[in-house]
Amino acid sequence: MRFSLGYPVMKNRSLRPAQGFTLIEMLVVVALLGIFLAIAAPSFAGLIRSNKVQAAADELVTVLQYARSEAITRGVTVTLTADSATTWNAGFNITAAGQILRRIDAGGLQSGITVSSGAAQASFSATGATGATINQCFTLCPVDQAGQCRFVGVSVTGRITQPSTDRPVTGECT
């Protein structure tokens, strides 16, 4: 041990170099994160859009099942009537014997989703069958991109198909 100006000077061999990141290392990491985010952002937006369409289709299936079950439970015809001719986006009513059971407003089935059908009405009789002579199809698509559509079919027997990216093969969406 040596002394210098009254303080001991020791050789400490256990000292480590300073720990942490340099500015260059931080800039490289930030640049790489930016590149990865730029690559992932478009597919993430597509995933969100696809999930919104699926959620709207699931909600529509739930509403159709509700209408069918109410028709069977009440023993009367329950009708879904769209506010617009073939576009269900403006909203629709579910009625039984002239009484409104539920009202689905314009934003009720997810915003930014177009819901269309070949008819402005769908109904279920007291047996659960539809009052139509042909099968019915609902098409749900995002407003900004038609490639991610879902189809929900209702057969004349009242069977409601689960949302699918393919048109039902049983004839509902032909």
C-alpha atoms as a PDB file:
ATOM      1  CA  MET A   1       0.000   0.000   0.000  1.00  0.00           C
ATOM      2  CA  ARG A   2       1.285   3.408  -0.933  1.00  0.00           C
ATOM      3  CA  PHE A   3       0.263   6.755   0.368  1.00  0.00           C
ATOM      4  CA  SER A   4      -0.140   9.928  -1.533  1.00  0.00           C
ATOM      5  CA  LEU A   5      -1.066  13.223   0.074  1.00  0.00           C
ATOM      6  CA  GLY A   6      -2.322  11.455   3.092  1.00  0.00           C
ATOM      7  CA  TYR A   7      -4.721   9.118   1.291  1.00  0.00           C
ATOM      8  CA  PRO A   8      -3.982   5.482   0.674  1.00  0.00           C
ATOM      9  CA  VAL A   9      -3.721   4.520  -2.986  1.00  0.00           C
ATOM     10  CA  MET A  10      -4.787   0.955  -3.570  1.00  0.00           C
ATOM     11  CA  LYS A  11      -4.612  -1.194  -6.632  1.00  0.00           C
ATOM     12  CA  ASN A  12      -8.091  -2.624  -6.942  1.00  0.00           C
ATOM     13  CA  ARG A  13      -8.225  -5.313  -9.524  1.00  0.00           C
ATOM     14  CA  SER A  14     -11.961  -5.929  -9.083  1.00  0.00           C
ATOM     15  CA  LEU A  15     -13.081  -2.652 -10.702  1.00  0.00           C
ATOM     16  CA  ARG A  16     -15.265  -3.269 -13.742  1.00  0.00           C
ATOM     17  CA  PRO A  17     -15.754  -1.002 -16.695  1.00  0.00           C
ATOM     18  CA  ALA A  18     -18.809   1.226 -16.521  1.00  0.00           C
ATOM     19  CA  GLN A  19     -22.060  -0.625 -17.320  1.00  0.00           C
ATOM     20  CA  GLY A  20     -24.870   0.670 -19.542  1.00  0.00           C
ATOM     21  CA  PHE A  21     -25.569   1.437 -23.167  1.00  0.00           C
ATOM     22  CA  THR A  22     -23.824   3.861 -25.388  1.00  0.00           C
ATOM     23  CA  LEU A  23     -25.757   6.355 -27.455  1.00  0.00           C
ATOM     24  CA  ILE A  24     -24.890   4.471 -30.645  1.00  0.00           C
ATOM     25  CA  GLU A  25     -26.273   1.215 -29.248  1.00  0.00           C
ATOM     26  CA  MET A  26     -29.505   2.908 -28.220  1.00  0.00           C
ATOM     27  CA  LEU A  27     -29.941   4.486 -31.682  1.00  0.00           C
ATOM     28  CA  VAL A  28     -29.439   1.122 -33.370  1.00  0.00           C
ATOM     29  CA  VAL A  29     -32.070  -0.506 -31.135  1.00  0.00           C
ATOM     30  CA  VAL A  30     -34.565   2.313 -31.745  1.00  0.00           C
ATOM     31  CA  ALA A  31     -33.967   2.108 -35.501  1.00  0.00           C
ATOM     32  CA  LEU A  32     -34.543  -1.668 -35.499  1.00  0.00           C
ATOM     33  CA  LEU A  33     -37.747  -1.276 -33.482  1.00  0.00           C
ATOM     34  CA  GLY A  34     -38.963   1.316 -35.968  1.00  0.00           C
ATOM     35  CA  ILE A  35     -38.323  -1.036 -38.879  1.00  0.00           C
ATOM     36  CA  PHE A  36     -40.146  -3.920 -37.165  1.00  0.00           C
ATOM     37  CA  LEU A  37     -43.135  -1.712 -36.339  1.00  0.00           C
ATOM     38  CA  ALA A  38     -43.308  -0.436 -39.915  1.00  0.00           C
ATOM     39  CA  ILE A  39     -43.463  -4.027 -41.145  1.00  0.00           C
ATOM     40  CA  ALA A  40     -46.042  -5.155 -38.563  1.00  0.00           C
ATOM     41  CA  ALA A  41     -48.436  -2.163 -38.680  1.00  0.00           C
ATOM     42  CA  PRO A  42     -50.290  -3.019 -41.931  1.00  0.00           C
ATOM     43  CA  SER A  43     -50.955  -6.608 -40.917  1.00  0.00           C
ATOM     44  CA  PHE A  44     -52.072  -5.457 -37.472  1.00  0.00           C
ATOM     45  CA  ALA A  45     -54.591  -3.072 -39.058  1.00  0.00           C
ATOM     46  CA  GLY A  46     -55.888  -5.965 -41.168  1.00  0.00           C
ATOM     47  CA  LEU A  47     -56.236  -8.097 -38.056  1.00  0.00           C
ATOM     48  CA  ILE A  48     -58.250  -5.396 -36.305  1.00  0.00           C
ATOM     49  CA  ARG A  49     -60.506  -4.994 -39.358  1.00  0.00           C
ATOM     50  CA  SER A  50     -61.042  -8.752 -39.594  1.00  0.00           C
ATOM     51  CA  ASN A  51     -61.877  -8.969 -35.885  1.00  0.00           C
ATOM     52  CA  LYS A  52     -64.449  -6.148 -36.220  1.00  0.00           C
ATOM     53  CA  VAL A  53     -66.189  -7.974 -39.066  1.00  0.00           C
ATOM     54  CA  GLN A  54     -66.185 -11.225 -37.096  1.00  0.00           C
ATOM     55  CA  ALA A  55     -67.560  -9.461 -34.009  1.00  0.00           C
ATOM     56  CA  ALA A  56     -70.374  -7.889 -36.059  1.00  0.00           C
ATOM     57  CA  ALA A  57     -71.202 -11.259 -37.615  1.00  0.00           C
ATOM     58  CA  ASP A  58     -71.278 -12.910 -34.180  1.00  0.00           C
ATOM     59  CA  GLU A  59     -73.594 -10.158 -32.912  1.00  0.00           C
ATOM     60  CA  LEU A  60     -75.903 -10.667 -35.908  1.00  0.00           C
ATOM     61  CA  VAL A  61     -76.052 -14.417 -35.245  1.00  0.00           C
ATOM     62  CA  THR A  62     -76.929 -13.676 -31.608  1.00  0.00           C
ATOM     63  CA  VAL A  63     -79.725 -11.295 -32.668  1.00  0.00           C
ATOM     64  CA  LEU A  64     -81.101 -13.848 -35.149  1.00  0.00           C
ATOM     65  CA  GLN A  65     -81.022 -16.591 -32.504  1.00  0.00           C
ATOM     66  CA  TYR A  66     -82.767 -14.255 -30.073  1.00  0.00           C
ATOM     67  CA  ALA A  67     -85.517 -13.541 -32.606  1.00  0.00           C
ATOM     68  CA  ARG A  68     -85.986 -17.234 -33.345  1.00  0.00           C
ATOM     69  CA  SER A  69     -86.105 -18.207 -29.690  1.00  0.00           C
ATOM     70  CA  GLU A  70     -88.609 -15.429 -28.941  1.00  0.00           C
ATOM     71  CA  ALA A  71     -90.827 -16.676 -31.780  1.00  0.00           C
ATOM     72  CA  ILE A  72     -90.809 -20.191 -30.353  1.00  0.00           C
ATOM     73  CA  THR A  73     -91.253 -19.025 -26.741  1.00  0.00           C
ATOM     74  CA  ARG A  74     -94.101 -16.590 -27.480  1.00  0.00           C
ATOM     75  CA  GLY A  75     -95.751 -18.780 -30.101  1.00  0.00           C
ATOM     76  CA  VAL A  76     -96.012 -15.885 -32.577  1.00  0.00           C
ATOM     77  CA  THR A  77     -94.153 -14.692 -35.645  1.00  0.00           C
ATOM     78  CA  VAL A  78     -91.152 -12.493 -34.830  1.00  0.00           C
ATOM     79  CA  THR A  79     -89.954 -10.198 -37.595  1.00  0.00           C
ATOM     80  CA  LEU A  80     -86.695  -8.355 -38.131  1.00  0.00           C
ATOM     81  CA  THR A  81     -87.290  -5.299 -40.306  1.00  0.00           C
ATOM     82  CA  ALA A  82     -84.461  -3.169 -41.685  1.00  0.00           C
ATOM     83  CA  ASP A  83     -84.824   0.611 -41.835  1.00  0.00           C
ATOM     84  CA  SER A  84     -83.364   0.558 -45.363  1.00  0.00           C
ATOM     85  CA  ALA A  85     -84.390  -1.628 -48.311  1.00  0.00           C
ATOM     86  CA  THR A  86     -81.487  -4.093 -48.321  1.00  0.00           C
ATOM     87  CA  THR A  87     -78.851  -2.466 -46.125  1.00  0.00           C
ATOM     88  CA  TRP A  88     -79.205  -3.238 -42.460  1.00  0.00           C
ATOM     89  CA  ASN A  89     -76.635  -0.607 -41.374  1.00  0.00           C
ATOM     90  CA  ALA A  90     -79.251   2.064 -40.748  1.00  0.00           C
ATOM     91  CA  GLY A  91     -80.693  -0.116 -37.985  1.00  0.00           C
ATOM     92  CA  PHE A  92     -83.539  -2.572 -37.607  1.00  0.00           C
ATOM     93  CA  ASN A  93     -86.390  -3.551 -35.297  1.00  0.00           C
ATOM     94  CA  ILE A  94     -87.325  -6.918 -33.880  1.00  0.00           C
ATOM     95  CA  THR A  95     -91.103  -7.065 -33.461  1.00  0.00           C
ATOM     96  CA  ALA A  96     -93.640  -9.622 -32.269  1.00  0.00           C
ATOM     97  CA  ALA A  97     -97.383  -9.047 -32.647  1.00  0.00           C
ATOM     98  CA  GLY A  98     -96.833  -5.342 -33.318  1.00  0.00           C
ATOM     99  CA  GLN A  99     -94.683  -4.881 -30.216  1.00  0.00           C
ATOM    100  CA  ILE A 100     -91.029  -3.857 -30.578  1.00  0.00           C
ATOM    101  CA  LEU A 101     -88.880  -6.333 -28.643  1.00  0.00           C
ATOM    102  CA  ARG A 102     -85.535  -4.795 -29.518  1.00  0.00           C
ATOM    103  CA  ARG A 103     -84.174  -1.948 -31.581  1.00  0.00           C
ATOM    104  CA  ILE A 104     -80.700  -2.249 -33.083  1.00  0.00           C
ATOM    105  CA  ASP A 105     -79.483   1.228 -34.038  1.00  0.00           C
ATOM    106  CA  ALA A 106     -77.159   2.181 -36.895  1.00  0.00           C
ATOM    107  CA  GLY A 107     -73.991   1.518 -34.890  1.00  0.00           C
ATOM    108  CA  GLY A 108     -75.377  -1.583 -33.214  1.00  0.00           C
ATOM    109  CA  LEU A 109     -73.399  -4.185 -35.123  1.00  0.00           C
ATOM    110  CA  GLN A 110     -69.979  -2.473 -35.074  1.00  0.00           C
ATOM    111  CA  SER A 111     -69.163   0.764 -36.842  1.00  0.00           C
ATOM    112  CA  GLY A 112     -67.457   0.654 -40.222  1.00  0.00           C
ATOM    113  CA  ILE A 113     -69.186  -2.594 -41.224  1.00  0.00           C
ATOM    114  CA  THR A 114     -71.702  -2.913 -44.065  1.00  0.00           C
ATOM    115  CA  VAL A 115     -74.481  -5.418 -43.420  1.00  0.00           C
ATOM    116  CA  SER A 116     -76.572  -6.302 -46.458  1.00  0.00           C
ATOM    117  CA  SER A 117     -79.158  -8.862 -47.435  1.00  0.00           C
ATOM    118  CA  GLY A 118     -81.371  -9.561 -50.414  1.00  0.00           C
ATOM    119  CA  ALA A 119     -84.443  -8.640 -48.364  1.00  0.00           C
ATOM    120  CA  ALA A 120     -85.460  -5.926 -45.926  1.00  0.00           C
ATOM    121  CA  GLN A 121     -87.157  -8.451 -43.639  1.00  0.00           C
ATOM    122  CA  ALA A 122     -86.483 -11.738 -41.953  1.00  0.00           C
ATOM    123  CA  SER A 123     -89.028 -13.534 -39.848  1.00  0.00           C
ATOM    124  CA  PHE A 124     -89.380 -16.637 -37.728  1.00  0.00           C
ATOM    125  CA  SER A 125     -92.687 -18.415 -37.147  1.00  0.00           C
ATOM    126  CA  ALA A 126     -93.845 -20.005 -33.913  1.00  0.00           C
ATOM    127  CA  THR A 127     -92.159 -23.255 -35.007  1.00  0.00           C
ATOM    128  CA  GLY A 128     -88.816 -21.511 -35.553  1.00  0.00           C
ATOM    129  CA  ALA A 129     -88.939 -21.754 -39.338  1.00  0.00           C
ATOM    130  CA  THR A 130     -88.700 -18.661 -41.496  1.00  0.00           C
ATOM    131  CA  GLY A 131     -91.676 -17.307 -43.343  1.00  0.00           C
ATOM    132  CA  ALA A 132     -89.661 -17.185 -46.559  1.00  0.00           C
ATOM    133  CA  THR A 133     -89.750 -19.624 -49.423  1.00  0.00           C
ATOM    134  CA  ILE A 134     -86.028 -19.253 -50.108  1.00  0.00           C
ATOM    135  CA  ASN A 135     -82.972 -19.211 -47.900  1.00  0.00           C
ATOM    136  CA  GLN A 136     -81.651 -15.820 -46.805  1.00  0.00           C
ATOM    137  CA  CYS A 137     -78.095 -14.541 -46.584  1.00  0.00           C
ATOM    138  CA  PHE A 138     -76.528 -11.664 -44.682  1.00  0.00           C
ATOM    139  CA  THR A 139     -73.206 -10.329 -45.967  1.00  0.00           C
ATOM    140  CA  LEU A 140     -70.993  -8.351 -43.585  1.00  0.00           C
ATOM    141  CA  CYS A 141     -68.020  -6.488 -45.057  1.00  0.00           C
ATOM    142  CA  PRO A 142     -65.761  -3.668 -43.860  1.00  0.00           C
ATOM    143  CA  VAL A 143     -66.615  -0.355 -45.495  1.00  0.00           C
ATOM    144  CA  ASP A 144     -63.038   0.270 -46.646  1.00  0.00           C
ATOM    145  CA  GLN A 145     -62.194  -3.218 -47.949  1.00  0.00           C
ATOM    146  CA  ALA A 146     -64.468  -5.897 -49.379  1.00  0.00           C
ATOM    147  CA  GLY A 147     -61.979  -8.764 -49.145  1.00  0.00           C
ATOM    148  CA  GLN A 148     -62.680  -9.690 -45.521  1.00  0.00           C
ATOM    149  CA  CYS A 149     -66.418 -10.376 -45.694  1.00  0.00           C
ATOM    150  CA  ARG A 150     -68.341 -12.812 -43.509  1.00  0.00           C
ATOM    151  CA  PHE A 151     -71.552 -14.571 -44.483  1.00  0.00           C
ATOM    152  CA  VAL A 152     -74.409 -15.599 -42.204  1.00  0.00           C
ATOM    153  CA  GLY A 153     -77.144 -17.752 -43.697  1.00  0.00           C
ATOM    154  CA  VAL A 154     -80.686 -18.435 -42.543  1.00  0.00           C
ATOM    155  CA  SER A 155     -82.380 -21.464 -44.110  1.00  0.00           C
ATOM    156  CA  VAL A 156     -86.137 -21.778 -44.606  1.00  0.00           C
ATOM    157  CA  THR A 157     -86.192 -24.235 -41.706  1.00  0.00           C
ATOM    158  CA  GLY A 158     -84.797 -21.497 -39.429  1.00  0.00           C
ATOM    159  CA  ARG A 159     -81.272 -22.893 -39.163  1.00  0.00           C
ATOM    160  CA  ILE A 160     -78.749 -20.069 -38.717  1.00  0.00           C
ATOM    161  CA  THR A 161     -75.254 -20.728 -40.012  1.00  0.00           C
ATOM    162  CA  GLN A 162     -72.253 -19.506 -38.054  1.00  0.00           C
ATOM    163  CA  PRO A 163     -70.260 -16.647 -39.622  1.00  0.00           C
ATOM    164  CA  SER A 164     -67.929 -17.852 -42.330  1.00  0.00           C
ATOM    165  CA  THR A 165     -65.526 -16.325 -44.820  1.00  0.00           C
ATOM    166  CA  ASP A 166     -67.006 -18.712 -47.414  1.00  0.00           C
ATOM    167  CA  ARG A 167     -70.524 -18.466 -48.696  1.00  0.00           C
ATOM    168  CA  PRO A 168     -72.702 -21.198 -47.151  1.00  0.00           C
ATOM    169  CA  VAL A 169     -72.988 -24.146 -49.518  1.00  0.00           C
ATOM    170  CA  THR A 170     -76.554 -24.915 -48.471  1.00  0.00           C
ATOM    171  CA  GLY A 171     -77.908 -22.209 -50.764  1.00  0.00           C
ATOM    172  CA  GLU A 172     -78.490 -19.299 -48.395  1.00  0.00           C
ATOM    173  CA  CYS A 173     -76.082 -16.945 -50.142  1.00  0.00           C
ATOM    174  CA  THR A 174     -76.523 -17.828 -53.796  1.00  0.00           C
END
